[in-house]
Amino acid sequence: MDKDHQYVLCSTRTVFTGLIERMSGWEKDYCQNDILDYWDKNSWWDYEQGAYVTMKISDLGKGDVVAGCAYNVIGDNLHIKRLFTSTDYRKQGHAKDLLEHTWRHSFSLARFLRMYCDKDAIPFYEKLGFRFIDYNKHNYGYVFQPMLFRDMDFTLNHCKPYKMENLLDEQDRTFIKYDFI
């Protein structure tokens, strides 16, 4: 954590809705109508599911919501469901910080990071070192990344020279195929 921001882990609906009440603009709408609605619809606030939303808050937790990352761990996969940065805080590294934080938080539980992203976000993830696999039937980009080391940057740099098929075993490749059925 840097000296100006605080990470708030929302593992309950009550904490998350409390933070939404402090928001304004598109971020509030996005959190209410996309993340909260999606979590509610899938019953992911159930403690057995392990659904989380980590929010990065300015002024050591007293200020604005800077960025957020909604995720869960199912089996040995860290699923990044949503990642956003508030308009006034974009292009300052906050989304990357949240990805790193989420990676470290989930590392002992997950073997792979898995996410779908908008076409516009693919260059962001590729710049970080994630590998774009393909588009699914809903035209979202698909990223599947082995989580080899606790440090995300180290893992991404380590994996860079290898072809993806060399980093995955047969079971992993089969799992990926199910995402495109």
C-alpha atoms as a PDB file:
ATOM      1  CA  MET A   1       0.000   0.000   0.000  1.00  0.00           C
ATOM      2  CA  ASP A   2       1.257   3.467  -0.774  1.00  0.00           C
ATOM      3  CA  LYS A   3       1.190   6.280   1.760  1.00  0.00           C
ATOM      4  CA  ASP A   4      -1.834   8.068   0.282  1.00  0.00           C
ATOM      5  CA  HIS A   5      -4.266   5.220  -0.297  1.00  0.00           C
ATOM      6  CA  GLN A   6      -5.920   2.440   1.637  1.00  0.00           C
ATOM      7  CA  TYR A   7      -7.197  -0.871   0.324  1.00  0.00           C
ATOM      8  CA  VAL A   8     -10.608  -1.895   1.615  1.00  0.00           C
ATOM      9  CA  LEU A   9     -11.544  -5.547   1.184  1.00  0.00           C
ATOM     10  CA  CYS A  10     -15.297  -5.915   0.802  1.00  0.00           C
ATOM     11  CA  SER A  11     -16.205  -9.507   1.520  1.00  0.00           C
ATOM     12  CA  THR A  12     -19.778  -8.694   2.538  1.00  0.00           C
ATOM     13  CA  ARG A  13     -22.574  -6.910   0.749  1.00  0.00           C
ATOM     14  CA  THR A  14     -22.970  -4.441   3.636  1.00  0.00           C
ATOM     15  CA  VAL A  15     -19.399  -3.149   3.415  1.00  0.00           C
ATOM     16  CA  PHE A  16     -19.579  -2.867  -0.365  1.00  0.00           C
ATOM     17  CA  THR A  17     -22.913  -0.999  -0.379  1.00  0.00           C
ATOM     18  CA  GLY A  18     -21.519   1.351   2.286  1.00  0.00           C
ATOM     19  CA  LEU A  19     -18.691   2.298  -0.063  1.00  0.00           C
ATOM     20  CA  ILE A  20     -21.079   2.673  -2.999  1.00  0.00           C
ATOM     21  CA  GLU A  21     -23.033   5.267  -0.987  1.00  0.00           C
ATOM     22  CA  ARG A  22     -19.869   7.404  -0.837  1.00  0.00           C
ATOM     23  CA  MET A  23     -19.461   7.382  -4.636  1.00  0.00           C
ATOM     24  CA  SER A  24     -20.868   9.587  -7.360  1.00  0.00           C
ATOM     25  CA  GLY A  25     -20.821   9.574 -11.134  1.00  0.00           C
ATOM     26  CA  TRP A  26     -20.385   6.560 -13.379  1.00  0.00           C
ATOM     27  CA  GLU A  27     -18.434   4.641 -10.696  1.00  0.00           C
ATOM     28  CA  LYS A  28     -21.484   4.517  -8.439  1.00  0.00           C
ATOM     29  CA  ASP A  29     -23.712   3.394 -11.296  1.00  0.00           C
ATOM     30  CA  TYR A  30     -21.152   0.773 -12.389  1.00  0.00           C
ATOM     31  CA  CYS A  31     -20.775  -0.647  -8.881  1.00  0.00           C
ATOM     32  CA  GLN A  32     -24.534  -0.709  -8.219  1.00  0.00           C
ATOM     33  CA  ASN A  33     -25.816  -1.914 -11.573  1.00  0.00           C
ATOM     34  CA  ASP A  34     -22.970  -4.119 -12.709  1.00  0.00           C
ATOM     35  CA  ILE A  35     -20.871  -5.455  -9.840  1.00  0.00           C
ATOM     36  CA  LEU A  36     -23.520  -5.523  -7.076  1.00  0.00           C
ATOM     37  CA  ASP A  37     -26.232  -6.809  -9.407  1.00  0.00           C
ATOM     38  CA  TYR A  38     -23.884  -9.508 -10.788  1.00  0.00           C
ATOM     39  CA  TRP A  39     -22.792 -10.606  -7.299  1.00  0.00           C
ATOM     40  CA  ASP A  40     -26.404 -10.721  -6.053  1.00  0.00           C
ATOM     41  CA  LYS A  41     -27.647 -12.628  -9.104  1.00  0.00           C
ATOM     42  CA  ASN A  42     -24.971 -15.296  -8.633  1.00  0.00           C
ATOM     43  CA  SER A  43     -25.269 -15.421  -4.808  1.00  0.00           C
ATOM     44  CA  TRP A  44     -21.557 -14.677  -4.554  1.00  0.00           C
ATOM     45  CA  TRP A  45     -21.845 -12.934  -1.201  1.00  0.00           C
ATOM     46  CA  ASP A  46     -22.187 -16.431   0.239  1.00  0.00           C
ATOM     47  CA  TYR A  47     -19.063 -17.034   2.330  1.00  0.00           C
ATOM     48  CA  GLU A  48     -18.426 -20.380   0.668  1.00  0.00           C
ATOM     49  CA  GLN A  49     -17.967 -18.697  -2.700  1.00  0.00           C
ATOM     50  CA  GLY A  50     -15.211 -16.347  -1.541  1.00  0.00           C
ATOM     51  CA  ALA A  51     -16.285 -13.313  -3.568  1.00  0.00           C
ATOM     52  CA  TYR A  52     -14.465 -10.073  -2.924  1.00  0.00           C
ATOM     53  CA  VAL A  53     -14.332  -6.494  -4.076  1.00  0.00           C
ATOM     54  CA  THR A  54     -11.158  -4.637  -3.173  1.00  0.00           C
ATOM     55  CA  MET A  55     -11.447  -0.872  -3.375  1.00  0.00           C
ATOM     56  CA  LYS A  56      -8.553   1.563  -3.376  1.00  0.00           C
ATOM     57  CA  ILE A  57      -9.534   4.711  -1.467  1.00  0.00           C
ATOM     58  CA  SER A  58      -7.670   8.036  -1.469  1.00  0.00           C
ATOM     59  CA  ASP A  59      -6.684  10.012   1.636  1.00  0.00           C
ATOM     60  CA  LEU A  60      -5.986   6.836   3.615  1.00  0.00           C
ATOM     61  CA  GLY A  61      -9.561   5.639   3.246  1.00  0.00           C
ATOM     62  CA  LYS A  62     -11.323   8.934   3.915  1.00  0.00           C
ATOM     63  CA  GLY A  63     -11.545  10.160   0.324  1.00  0.00           C
ATOM     64  CA  ASP A  64     -12.647   9.037  -3.108  1.00  0.00           C
ATOM     65  CA  VAL A  65     -12.873   5.544  -4.495  1.00  0.00           C
ATOM     66  CA  VAL A  66      -9.887   5.520  -6.823  1.00  0.00           C
ATOM     67  CA  ALA A  67     -10.258   2.026  -8.298  1.00  0.00           C
ATOM     68  CA  GLY A  68     -11.881  -1.335  -7.652  1.00  0.00           C
ATOM     69  CA  CYS A  69     -11.364  -4.997  -8.461  1.00  0.00           C
ATOM     70  CA  ALA A  70     -14.140  -7.574  -8.110  1.00  0.00           C
ATOM     71  CA  TYR A  71     -12.958 -11.181  -8.039  1.00  0.00           C
ATOM     72  CA  ASN A  72     -13.436 -14.650  -6.653  1.00  0.00           C
ATOM     73  CA  VAL A  73     -11.540 -17.908  -6.484  1.00  0.00           C
ATOM     74  CA  ILE A  74     -13.250 -21.003  -7.834  1.00  0.00           C
ATOM     75  CA  GLY A  75     -11.268 -24.207  -7.686  1.00  0.00           C
ATOM     76  CA  ASP A  76      -7.709 -23.183  -8.405  1.00  0.00           C
ATOM     77  CA  ASN A  77      -8.639 -20.205 -10.606  1.00  0.00           C
ATOM     78  CA  LEU A  78      -8.576 -16.560  -9.618  1.00  0.00           C
ATOM     79  CA  HIS A  79     -11.401 -15.020 -11.647  1.00  0.00           C
ATOM     80  CA  ILE A  80     -11.089 -11.270 -12.182  1.00  0.00           C
ATOM     81  CA  LYS A  81     -14.694 -10.264 -12.739  1.00  0.00           C
ATOM     82  CA  ARG A  82     -14.432  -6.483 -12.919  1.00  0.00           C
ATOM     83  CA  LEU A  83     -11.596  -3.972 -12.742  1.00  0.00           C
ATOM     84  CA  PHE A  84     -12.213  -0.243 -12.922  1.00  0.00           C
ATOM     85  CA  THR A  85     -10.478   3.053 -12.272  1.00  0.00           C
ATOM     86  CA  SER A  86     -12.376   6.256 -11.527  1.00  0.00           C
ATOM     87  CA  THR A  87     -12.089   8.805 -14.319  1.00  0.00           C
ATOM     88  CA  ASP A  88     -10.008  11.342 -12.355  1.00  0.00           C
ATOM     89  CA  TYR A  89      -7.453   8.684 -11.357  1.00  0.00           C
ATOM     90  CA  ARG A  90      -6.802   6.942 -14.674  1.00  0.00           C
ATOM     91  CA  LYS A  91      -3.339   6.344 -16.136  1.00  0.00           C
ATOM     92  CA  GLN A  92      -1.677   6.540 -12.704  1.00  0.00           C
ATOM     93  CA  GLY A  93      -1.114   2.811 -12.116  1.00  0.00           C
ATOM     94  CA  HIS A  94      -4.069   2.179  -9.810  1.00  0.00           C
ATOM     95  CA  ALA A  95      -5.584  -0.676 -11.850  1.00  0.00           C
ATOM     96  CA  LYS A  96      -2.190  -2.402 -11.986  1.00  0.00           C
ATOM     97  CA  ASP A  97      -1.768  -1.902  -8.225  1.00  0.00           C
ATOM     98  CA  LEU A  98      -5.137  -3.551  -7.615  1.00  0.00           C
ATOM     99  CA  LEU A  99      -4.290  -6.476  -9.897  1.00  0.00           C
ATOM    100  CA  GLU A 100      -1.019  -7.007  -8.009  1.00  0.00           C
ATOM    101  CA  HIS A 101      -2.809  -6.759  -4.661  1.00  0.00           C
ATOM    102  CA  THR A 102      -5.468  -9.233  -5.792  1.00  0.00           C
ATOM    103  CA  TRP A 103      -2.798 -11.614  -7.152  1.00  0.00           C
ATOM    104  CA  ARG A 104      -0.922 -11.598  -3.814  1.00  0.00           C
ATOM    105  CA  HIS A 105      -4.146 -11.953  -1.797  1.00  0.00           C
ATOM    106  CA  SER A 106      -5.213 -15.008  -3.831  1.00  0.00           C
ATOM    107  CA  PHE A 107      -1.836 -16.599  -4.557  1.00  0.00           C
ATOM    108  CA  SER A 108      -2.033 -19.346  -1.936  1.00  0.00           C
ATOM    109  CA  LEU A 109      -5.453 -20.426  -3.287  1.00  0.00           C
ATOM    110  CA  ALA A 110      -5.084 -20.038  -7.035  1.00  0.00           C
ATOM    111  CA  ARG A 111      -2.956 -21.623  -9.723  1.00  0.00           C
ATOM    112  CA  PHE A 112      -4.238 -19.490 -12.616  1.00  0.00           C
ATOM    113  CA  LEU A 113      -5.639 -16.032 -13.185  1.00  0.00           C
ATOM    114  CA  ARG A 114      -8.584 -16.007 -15.552  1.00  0.00           C
ATOM    115  CA  MET A 115     -10.547 -13.059 -16.890  1.00  0.00           C
ATOM    116  CA  TYR A 116     -12.676 -11.761 -19.699  1.00  0.00           C
ATOM    117  CA  CYS A 117     -12.206  -8.164 -20.734  1.00  0.00           C
ATOM    118  CA  ASP A 118     -13.580  -5.599 -23.135  1.00  0.00           C
ATOM    119  CA  LYS A 119     -11.717  -5.271 -26.433  1.00  0.00           C
ATOM    120  CA  ASP A 120     -10.594  -1.792 -25.376  1.00  0.00           C
ATOM    121  CA  ALA A 121      -8.850  -3.222 -22.292  1.00  0.00           C
ATOM    122  CA  ILE A 122      -6.781  -5.860 -24.111  1.00  0.00           C
ATOM    123  CA  PRO A 123      -3.858  -3.470 -24.838  1.00  0.00           C
ATOM    124  CA  PHE A 124      -3.710  -2.594 -21.118  1.00  0.00           C
ATOM    125  CA  TYR A 125      -3.425  -6.241 -20.081  1.00  0.00           C
ATOM    126  CA  GLU A 126      -0.959  -7.056 -22.869  1.00  0.00           C
ATOM    127  CA  LYS A 127       1.225  -4.110 -21.840  1.00  0.00           C
ATOM    128  CA  LEU A 128       1.384  -5.593 -18.336  1.00  0.00           C
ATOM    129  CA  GLY A 129       2.429  -8.937 -19.843  1.00  0.00           C
ATOM    130  CA  PHE A 130      -0.817 -10.913 -19.769  1.00  0.00           C
ATOM    131  CA  ARG A 131      -1.569 -13.054 -22.793  1.00  0.00           C
ATOM    132  CA  PHE A 132      -4.713 -12.586 -24.784  1.00  0.00           C
ATOM    133  CA  ILE A 133      -5.983 -16.058 -25.793  1.00  0.00           C
ATOM    134  CA  ASP A 134      -9.058 -15.385 -27.946  1.00  0.00           C
ATOM    135  CA  TYR A 135     -12.524 -13.831 -27.985  1.00  0.00           C
ATOM    136  CA  ASN A 136     -15.494 -15.711 -26.568  1.00  0.00           C
ATOM    137  CA  LYS A 137     -18.945 -15.847 -28.189  1.00  0.00           C
ATOM    138  CA  HIS A 138     -19.902 -12.572 -26.442  1.00  0.00           C
ATOM    139  CA  ASN A 139     -16.874 -10.869 -28.030  1.00  0.00           C
ATOM    140  CA  TYR A 140     -14.956 -10.448 -24.769  1.00  0.00           C
ATOM    141  CA  GLY A 141     -11.220 -11.002 -24.780  1.00  0.00           C
ATOM    142  CA  TYR A 142     -10.027 -13.972 -22.735  1.00  0.00           C
ATOM    143  CA  VAL A 143      -6.874 -14.017 -20.605  1.00  0.00           C
ATOM    144  CA  PHE A 144      -5.582 -17.137 -18.851  1.00  0.00           C
ATOM    145  CA  GLN A 145      -2.324 -16.793 -16.934  1.00  0.00           C
ATOM    146  CA  PRO A 146      -0.422 -19.315 -14.792  1.00  0.00           C
ATOM    147  CA  MET A 147       0.313 -17.864 -11.334  1.00  0.00           C
ATOM    148  CA  LEU A 148       3.802 -19.313 -10.890  1.00  0.00           C
ATOM    149  CA  PHE A 149       5.200 -16.899  -8.313  1.00  0.00           C
ATOM    150  CA  ARG A 150       3.755 -14.631  -5.606  1.00  0.00           C
ATOM    151  CA  ASP A 151       4.975 -11.568  -7.501  1.00  0.00           C
ATOM    152  CA  MET A 152       2.787 -10.823 -10.533  1.00  0.00           C
ATOM    153  CA  ASP A 153       5.405  -8.848 -12.498  1.00  0.00           C
ATOM    154  CA  PHE A 154       8.049 -11.507 -11.911  1.00  0.00           C
ATOM    155  CA  THR A 155       5.659 -14.221 -13.133  1.00  0.00           C
ATOM    156  CA  LEU A 156       4.621 -12.271 -16.226  1.00  0.00           C
ATOM    157  CA  ASN A 157       8.248 -11.543 -17.133  1.00  0.00           C
ATOM    158  CA  HIS A 158       9.244 -15.156 -16.474  1.00  0.00           C
ATOM    159  CA  CYS A 159       6.463 -16.476 -18.742  1.00  0.00           C
ATOM    160  CA  LYS A 160       7.074 -13.981 -21.561  1.00  0.00           C
ATOM    161  CA  PRO A 161       9.596 -16.048 -23.591  1.00  0.00           C
ATOM    162  CA  TYR A 162       7.498 -19.234 -23.465  1.00  0.00           C
ATOM    163  CA  LYS A 163       4.667 -20.183 -25.774  1.00  0.00           C
ATOM    164  CA  MET A 164       1.441 -20.471 -23.813  1.00  0.00           C
ATOM    165  CA  GLU A 165       1.035 -24.151 -24.704  1.00  0.00           C
ATOM    166  CA  ASN A 166       4.366 -24.822 -22.947  1.00  0.00           C
ATOM    167  CA  LEU A 167       3.051 -23.271 -19.731  1.00  0.00           C
ATOM    168  CA  LEU A 168      -0.160 -25.294 -19.625  1.00  0.00           C
ATOM    169  CA  ASP A 169      -0.771 -28.989 -19.214  1.00  0.00           C
ATOM    170  CA  GLU A 170      -3.477 -30.970 -21.041  1.00  0.00           C
ATOM    171  CA  GLN A 171      -6.020 -30.435 -18.257  1.00  0.00           C
ATOM    172  CA  ASP A 172      -5.452 -26.668 -18.448  1.00  0.00           C
ATOM    173  CA  ARG A 173      -5.949 -26.627 -22.225  1.00  0.00           C
ATOM    174  CA  THR A 174      -9.151 -28.659 -21.820  1.00  0.00           C
ATOM    175  CA  PHE A 175     -10.413 -26.195 -19.187  1.00  0.00           C
ATOM    176  CA  ILE A 176      -9.826 -23.289 -21.568  1.00  0.00           C
ATOM    177  CA  LYS A 177     -11.834 -25.009 -24.303  1.00  0.00           C
ATOM    178  CA  TYR A 178     -14.906 -25.044 -22.022  1.00  0.00           C
ATOM    179  CA  ASP A 179     -14.797 -21.260 -21.901  1.00  0.00           C
ATOM    180  CA  PHE A 180     -15.449 -21.133 -25.649  1.00  0.00           C
ATOM    181  CA  ILE A 181     -18.328 -23.601 -25.922  1.00  0.00           C
END
